[in-house]
Amino acid sequence: QSAISNQQSAISNQQSAISTRFFLIFILLHYILLCFFPLLRGLFHLVALLKSYGVRFCLHSLVIPIDCR
């Protein structure tokens, strides 16, 4: 009887440890996303700007062969 109760308590302890770990990972991911989302938006904005500038540059310099993609 005591062995069974010990096993059950060990299982519940394991489950609580797993849930706390998931909770910590969730909080960490949340903060990482909060920090990186503006950075990612800025990066996408920069990439779009560079793309538009690249297209303009390619249109302007059709004499010089540049790999436009």
PDB file of N, CA and C in Angstrom:
ATOM      1  N   GLN A   1       0.836  -1.214   0.000  1.00  0.00           N
ATOM      2  CA  GLN A   1       0.000   0.000   0.000  1.00  0.00           C
ATOM      3  C   GLN A   1       0.873   1.268   0.000  1.00  0.00           C
ATOM      4  N   SER A   2       1.852   1.276   0.878  1.00  0.00           N
ATOM      5  CA  SER A   2       2.713   2.459   0.957  1.00  0.00           C
ATOM      6  C   SER A   2       3.542   2.611  -0.323  1.00  0.00           C
ATOM      7  N   ALA A   3       3.923   1.467  -0.923  1.00  0.00           N
ATOM      8  CA  ALA A   3       4.697   1.533  -2.164  1.00  0.00           C
ATOM      9  C   ALA A   3       3.852   2.154  -3.271  1.00  0.00           C
ATOM     10  N   ILE A   4       2.573   1.753  -3.331  1.00  0.00           N
ATOM     11  CA  ILE A   4       1.677   2.297  -4.357  1.00  0.00           C
ATOM     12  C   ILE A   4       1.485   3.796  -4.151  1.00  0.00           C
ATOM     13  N   SER A   5       1.275   4.207  -2.902  1.00  0.00           N
ATOM     14  CA  SER A   5       1.069   5.638  -2.628  1.00  0.00           C
ATOM     15  C   SER A   5       2.343   6.425  -2.942  1.00  0.00           C
ATOM     16  N   ASN A   6       3.505   5.837  -2.640  1.00  0.00           N
ATOM     17  CA  ASN A   6       4.769   6.490  -2.972  1.00  0.00           C
ATOM     18  C   ASN A   6       4.900   6.682  -4.483  1.00  0.00           C
ATOM     19  N   GLN A   7       4.522   5.624  -5.231  1.00  0.00           N
ATOM     20  CA  GLN A   7       4.600   5.699  -6.688  1.00  0.00           C
ATOM     21  C   GLN A   7       3.666   6.794  -7.212  1.00  0.00           C
ATOM     22  N   GLN A   8       2.456   6.848  -6.655  1.00  0.00           N
ATOM     23  CA  GLN A   8       1.494   7.862  -7.090  1.00  0.00           C
ATOM     24  C   GLN A   8       2.010   9.265  -6.794  1.00  0.00           C
ATOM     25  N   SER A   9       2.590   9.456  -5.609  1.00  0.00           N
ATOM     26  CA  SER A   9       3.109  10.778  -5.259  1.00  0.00           C
ATOM     27  C   SER A   9       4.290  11.139  -6.160  1.00  0.00           C
ATOM     28  N   ALA A  10       5.116  10.143  -6.498  1.00  0.00           N
ATOM     29  CA  ALA A  10       6.248  10.394  -7.394  1.00  0.00           C
ATOM     30  C   ALA A  10       5.739  10.816  -8.768  1.00  0.00           C
ATOM     31  N   ILE A  11       4.686  10.131  -9.247  1.00  0.00           N
ATOM     32  CA  ILE A  11       4.112  10.474 -10.554  1.00  0.00           C
ATOM     33  C   ILE A  11       3.546  11.891 -10.525  1.00  0.00           C
ATOM     34  N   SER A  12       2.833  12.227  -9.445  1.00  0.00           N
ATOM     35  CA  SER A  12       2.251  13.571  -9.358  1.00  0.00           C
ATOM     36  C   SER A  12       3.356  14.625  -9.267  1.00  0.00           C
ATOM     37  N   ASN A  13       4.438  14.316  -8.536  1.00  0.00           N
ATOM     38  CA  ASN A  13       5.573  15.238  -8.466  1.00  0.00           C
ATOM     39  C   ASN A  13       6.185  15.448  -9.846  1.00  0.00           C
ATOM     40  N   GLN A  14       6.328  14.342 -10.584  1.00  0.00           N
ATOM     41  CA  GLN A  14       6.885  14.421 -11.930  1.00  0.00           C
ATOM     42  C   GLN A  14       5.998  15.290 -12.824  1.00  0.00           C
ATOM     43  N   GLN A  15       4.686  15.067 -12.720  1.00  0.00           N
ATOM     44  CA  GLN A  15       3.758  15.848 -13.537  1.00  0.00           C
ATOM     45  C   GLN A  15       3.837  17.330 -13.194  1.00  0.00           C
ATOM     46  N   SER A  16       3.920  17.649 -11.905  1.00  0.00           N
ATOM     47  CA  SER A  16       3.995  19.057 -11.512  1.00  0.00           C
ATOM     48  C   SER A  16       5.308  19.674 -11.994  1.00  0.00           C
ATOM     49  N   ALA A  17       6.401  18.902 -11.937  1.00  0.00           N
ATOM     50  CA  ALA A  17       7.688  19.406 -12.418  1.00  0.00           C
ATOM     51  C   ALA A  17       7.613  19.688 -13.918  1.00  0.00           C
ATOM     52  N   ILE A  18       6.978  18.766 -14.653  1.00  0.00           N
ATOM     53  CA  ILE A  18       6.835  18.952 -16.100  1.00  0.00           C
ATOM     54  C   ILE A  18       5.996  20.192 -16.394  1.00  0.00           C
ATOM     55  N   SER A  19       4.902  20.363 -15.634  1.00  0.00           N
ATOM     56  CA  SER A  19       4.028  21.512 -15.882  1.00  0.00           C
ATOM     57  C   SER A  19       4.749  22.819 -15.556  1.00  0.00           C
ATOM     58  N   THR A  20       5.535  22.833 -14.454  1.00  0.00           N
ATOM     59  CA  THR A  20       6.274  24.062 -14.134  1.00  0.00           C
ATOM     60  C   THR A  20       7.317  24.340 -15.204  1.00  0.00           C
ATOM     61  N   ARG A  21       7.955  23.294 -15.718  1.00  0.00           N
ATOM     62  CA  ARG A  21       8.943  23.479 -16.776  1.00  0.00           C
ATOM     63  C   ARG A  21       8.282  24.062 -18.021  1.00  0.00           C
ATOM     64  N   PHE A  22       7.120  23.495 -18.388  1.00  0.00           N
ATOM     65  CA  PHE A  22       6.399  24.022 -19.544  1.00  0.00           C
ATOM     66  C   PHE A  22       5.995  25.472 -19.330  1.00  0.00           C
ATOM     67  N   PHE A  23       5.587  25.789 -18.091  1.00  0.00           N
ATOM     68  CA  PHE A  23       5.179  27.157 -17.768  1.00  0.00           C
ATOM     69  C   PHE A  23       6.356  28.112 -17.929  1.00  0.00           C
ATOM     70  N   LEU A  24       7.529  27.709 -17.426  1.00  0.00           N
ATOM     71  CA  LEU A  24       8.727  28.546 -17.547  1.00  0.00           C
ATOM     72  C   LEU A  24       9.112  28.730 -19.008  1.00  0.00           C
ATOM     73  N   ILE A  25       9.059  27.631 -19.777  1.00  0.00           N
ATOM     74  CA  ILE A  25       9.387  27.719 -21.206  1.00  0.00           C
ATOM     75  C   ILE A  25       8.403  28.641 -21.907  1.00  0.00           C
ATOM     76  N   PHE A  26       7.121  28.538 -21.538  1.00  0.00           N
ATOM     77  CA  PHE A  26       6.091  29.384 -22.138  1.00  0.00           C
ATOM     78  C   PHE A  26       6.368  30.859 -21.854  1.00  0.00           C
ATOM     79  N   ILE A  27       6.697  31.174 -20.592  1.00  0.00           N
ATOM     80  CA  ILE A  27       6.998  32.566 -20.222  1.00  0.00           C
ATOM     81  C   ILE A  27       8.218  33.063 -20.993  1.00  0.00           C
ATOM     82  N   LEU A  28       9.243  32.205 -21.079  1.00  0.00           N
ATOM     83  CA  LEU A  28      10.470  32.566 -21.786  1.00  0.00           C
ATOM     84  C   LEU A  28      10.169  32.850 -23.257  1.00  0.00           C
ATOM     85  N   LEU A  29       9.394  31.962 -23.883  1.00  0.00           N
ATOM     86  CA  LEU A  29       9.039  32.155 -25.290  1.00  0.00           C
ATOM     87  C   LEU A  29       8.228  33.427 -25.472  1.00  0.00           C
ATOM     88  N   HIS A  30       7.334  33.691 -24.518  1.00  0.00           N
ATOM     89  CA  HIS A  30       6.506  34.889 -24.579  1.00  0.00           C
ATOM     90  C   HIS A  30       7.381  36.138 -24.581  1.00  0.00           C
ATOM     91  N   TYR A  31       8.336  36.177 -23.644  1.00  0.00           N
ATOM     92  CA  TYR A  31       9.210  37.351 -23.569  1.00  0.00           C
ATOM     93  C   TYR A  31      10.110  37.456 -24.795  1.00  0.00           C
ATOM     94  N   ILE A  32      10.590  36.306 -25.285  1.00  0.00           N
ATOM     95  CA  ILE A  32      11.433  36.325 -26.485  1.00  0.00           C
ATOM     96  C   ILE A  32      10.640  36.876 -27.662  1.00  0.00           C
ATOM     97  N   LEU A  33       9.379  36.423 -27.795  1.00  0.00           N
ATOM     98  CA  LEU A  33       8.541  36.918 -28.890  1.00  0.00           C
ATOM     99  C   LEU A  33       8.274  38.407 -28.729  1.00  0.00           C
ATOM    100  N   LEU A  34       8.009  38.831 -27.486  1.00  0.00           N
ATOM    101  CA  LEU A  34       7.765  40.255 -27.241  1.00  0.00           C
ATOM    102  C   LEU A  34       8.981  41.088 -27.610  1.00  0.00           C
ATOM    103  N   CYS A  35      10.167  40.552 -27.310  1.00  0.00           N
ATOM    104  CA  CYS A  35      11.382  41.303 -27.621  1.00  0.00           C
ATOM    105  C   CYS A  35      11.686  41.269 -29.112  1.00  0.00           C
ATOM    106  N   PHE A  36      11.476  40.105 -29.742  1.00  0.00           N
ATOM    107  CA  PHE A  36      11.936  39.941 -31.113  1.00  0.00           C
ATOM    108  C   PHE A  36      10.914  40.362 -32.152  1.00  0.00           C
ATOM    109  N   PHE A  37       9.637  40.495 -31.765  1.00  0.00           N
ATOM    110  CA  PHE A  37       8.624  40.830 -32.766  1.00  0.00           C
ATOM    111  C   PHE A  37       8.860  42.199 -33.390  1.00  0.00           C
ATOM    112  N   PRO A  38       9.136  43.260 -32.592  1.00  0.00           N
ATOM    113  CA  PRO A  38       9.451  44.554 -33.215  1.00  0.00           C
ATOM    114  C   PRO A  38      10.710  44.485 -34.064  1.00  0.00           C
ATOM    115  N   LEU A  39      11.702  43.723 -33.589  1.00  0.00           N
ATOM    116  CA  LEU A  39      12.931  43.568 -34.364  1.00  0.00           C
ATOM    117  C   LEU A  39      12.642  42.892 -35.694  1.00  0.00           C
ATOM    118  N   LEU A  40      11.805  41.845 -35.642  1.00  0.00           N
ATOM    119  CA  LEU A  40      11.465  41.142 -36.875  1.00  0.00           C
ATOM    120  C   LEU A  40      10.694  42.048 -37.822  1.00  0.00           C
ATOM    121  N   ARG A  41       9.781  42.858 -37.247  1.00  0.00           N
ATOM    122  CA  ARG A  41       9.026  43.781 -38.086  1.00  0.00           C
ATOM    123  C   ARG A  41       9.951  44.789 -38.743  1.00  0.00           C
ATOM    124  N   GLY A  42      10.908  45.302 -37.955  1.00  0.00           N
ATOM    125  CA  GLY A  42      11.887  46.227 -38.510  1.00  0.00           C
ATOM    126  C   GLY A  42      12.715  45.573 -39.596  1.00  0.00           C
ATOM    127  N   LEU A  43      13.082  44.309 -39.355  1.00  0.00           N
ATOM    128  CA  LEU A  43      13.882  43.576 -40.326  1.00  0.00           C
ATOM    129  C   LEU A  43      13.105  43.365 -41.621  1.00  0.00           C
ATOM    130  N   PHE A  44      11.823  42.983 -41.504  1.00  0.00           N
ATOM    131  CA  PHE A  44      11.006  42.798 -42.700  1.00  0.00           C
ATOM    132  C   PHE A  44      10.847  44.114 -43.449  1.00  0.00           C
ATOM    133  N   HIS A  45      10.681  45.201 -42.698  1.00  0.00           N
ATOM    134  CA  HIS A  45      10.568  46.522 -43.304  1.00  0.00           C
ATOM    135  C   HIS A  45      11.839  46.858 -44.071  1.00  0.00           C
ATOM    136  N   LEU A  46      12.978  46.574 -43.439  1.00  0.00           N
ATOM    137  CA  LEU A  46      14.271  46.836 -44.063  1.00  0.00           C
ATOM    138  C   LEU A  46      14.441  46.000 -45.329  1.00  0.00           C
ATOM    139  N   VAL A  47      14.043  44.726 -45.256  1.00  0.00           N
ATOM    140  CA  VAL A  47      14.157  43.843 -46.419  1.00  0.00           C
ATOM    141  C   VAL A  47      13.285  44.352 -47.555  1.00  0.00           C
ATOM    142  N   ALA A  48      12.057  44.795 -47.207  1.00  0.00           N
ATOM    143  CA  ALA A  48      11.166  45.328 -48.238  1.00  0.00           C
ATOM    144  C   ALA A  48      11.764  46.581 -48.868  1.00  0.00           C
ATOM    145  N   LEU A  49      12.318  47.462 -48.026  1.00  0.00           N
ATOM    146  CA  LEU A  49      12.967  48.671 -48.534  1.00  0.00           C
ATOM    147  C   LEU A  49      14.115  48.314 -49.466  1.00  0.00           C
ATOM    148  N   LEU A  50      14.939  47.367 -49.025  1.00  0.00           N
ATOM    149  CA  LEU A  50      16.083  46.965 -49.841  1.00  0.00           C
ATOM    150  C   LEU A  50      15.621  46.359 -51.159  1.00  0.00           C
ATOM    151  N   LYS A  51      14.540  45.584 -51.110  1.00  0.00           N
ATOM    152  CA  LYS A  51      14.014  44.990 -52.340  1.00  0.00           C
ATOM    153  C   LYS A  51      13.551  46.069 -53.303  1.00  0.00           C
ATOM    154  N   SER A  52      12.790  47.036 -52.774  1.00  0.00           N
ATOM    155  CA  SER A  52      12.296  48.099 -53.653  1.00  0.00           C
ATOM    156  C   SER A  52      13.461  48.914 -54.212  1.00  0.00           C
ATOM    157  N   TYR A  53      14.450  49.211 -53.351  1.00  0.00           N
ATOM    158  CA  TYR A  53      15.628  49.941 -53.818  1.00  0.00           C
ATOM    159  C   TYR A  53      16.393  49.123 -54.851  1.00  0.00           C
ATOM    160  N   GLY A  54      16.482  47.807 -54.618  1.00  0.00           N
ATOM    161  CA  GLY A  54      17.177  46.938 -55.561  1.00  0.00           C
ATOM    162  C   GLY A  54      16.489  46.919 -56.908  1.00  0.00           C
ATOM    163  N   VAL A  55      15.152  46.861 -56.893  1.00  0.00           N
ATOM    164  CA  VAL A  55      14.394  46.871 -58.147  1.00  0.00           C
ATOM    165  C   VAL A  55      14.624  48.183 -58.878  1.00  0.00           C
ATOM    166  N   ARG A  56      14.592  49.300 -58.131  1.00  0.00           N
ATOM    167  CA  ARG A  56      14.836  50.605 -58.747  1.00  0.00           C
ATOM    168  C   ARG A  56      16.247  50.676 -59.310  1.00  0.00           C
ATOM    169  N   PHE A  57      17.183  50.151 -58.524  1.00  0.00           N
ATOM    170  CA  PHE A  57      18.585  50.165 -58.945  1.00  0.00           C
ATOM    171  C   PHE A  57      18.752  49.355 -60.226  1.00  0.00           C
ATOM    172  N   CYS A  58      18.088  48.203 -60.295  1.00  0.00           N
ATOM    173  CA  CYS A  58      18.162  47.361 -61.486  1.00  0.00           C
ATOM    174  C   CYS A  58      17.550  48.076 -62.679  1.00  0.00           C
ATOM    175  N   LEU A  59      16.423  48.765 -62.462  1.00  0.00           N
ATOM    176  CA  LEU A  59      15.781  49.489 -63.559  1.00  0.00           C
ATOM    177  C   LEU A  59      16.663  50.632 -64.028  1.00  0.00           C
ATOM    178  N   HIS A  60      17.335  51.293 -63.082  1.00  0.00           N
ATOM    179  CA  HIS A  60      18.179  52.425 -63.448  1.00  0.00           C
ATOM    180  C   HIS A  60      19.433  51.966 -64.170  1.00  0.00           C
ATOM    181  N   SER A  61      19.981  50.841 -63.743  1.00  0.00           N
ATOM    182  CA  SER A  61      21.253  50.405 -64.321  1.00  0.00           C
ATOM    183  C   SER A  61      21.047  49.176 -65.194  1.00  0.00           C
ATOM    184  N   LEU A  62      20.209  49.318 -66.209  1.00  0.00           N
ATOM    185  CA  LEU A  62      19.999  48.223 -67.148  1.00  0.00           C
ATOM    186  C   LEU A  62      21.204  48.054 -68.060  1.00  0.00           C
ATOM    187  N   VAL A  63      22.042  49.089 -68.143  1.00  0.00           N
ATOM    188  CA  VAL A  63      23.237  48.994 -68.981  1.00  0.00           C
ATOM    189  C   VAL A  63      24.216  47.999 -68.371  1.00  0.00           C
ATOM    190  N   ILE A  64      24.409  48.104 -67.048  1.00  0.00           N
ATOM    191  CA  ILE A  64      25.313  47.181 -66.364  1.00  0.00           C
ATOM    192  C   ILE A  64      24.511  45.947 -65.961  1.00  0.00           C
ATOM    193  N   PRO A  65      24.932  44.773 -66.371  1.00  0.00           N
ATOM    194  CA  PRO A  65      24.177  43.562 -66.002  1.00  0.00           C
ATOM    195  C   PRO A  65      24.318  43.243 -64.518  1.00  0.00           C
ATOM    196  N   ILE A  66      23.205  43.347 -63.801  1.00  0.00           N
ATOM    197  CA  ILE A  66      23.172  43.020 -62.375  1.00  0.00           C
ATOM    198  C   ILE A  66      22.134  41.918 -62.169  1.00  0.00           C
ATOM    199  N   ASP A  67      22.461  40.992 -61.337  1.00  0.00           N
ATOM    200  CA  ASP A  67      21.539  39.889 -61.051  1.00  0.00           C
ATOM    201  C   ASP A  67      20.372  40.420 -60.224  1.00  0.00           C
ATOM    202  N   CYS A  68      19.238  40.646 -60.883  1.00  0.00           N
ATOM    203  CA  CYS A  68      18.046  41.165 -60.189  1.00  0.00           C
ATOM    204  C   CYS A  68      17.109  40.015 -59.882  1.00  0.00           C
ATOM    205  N   ARG A  69      16.868  39.811 -58.583  1.00  0.00           N
ATOM    206  CA  ARG A  69      15.929  38.759 -58.226  1.00  0.00           C
ATOM    207  C   ARG A  69      14.932  39.278 -57.224  1.00  0.00           C
TER     208      ARG A  69
END
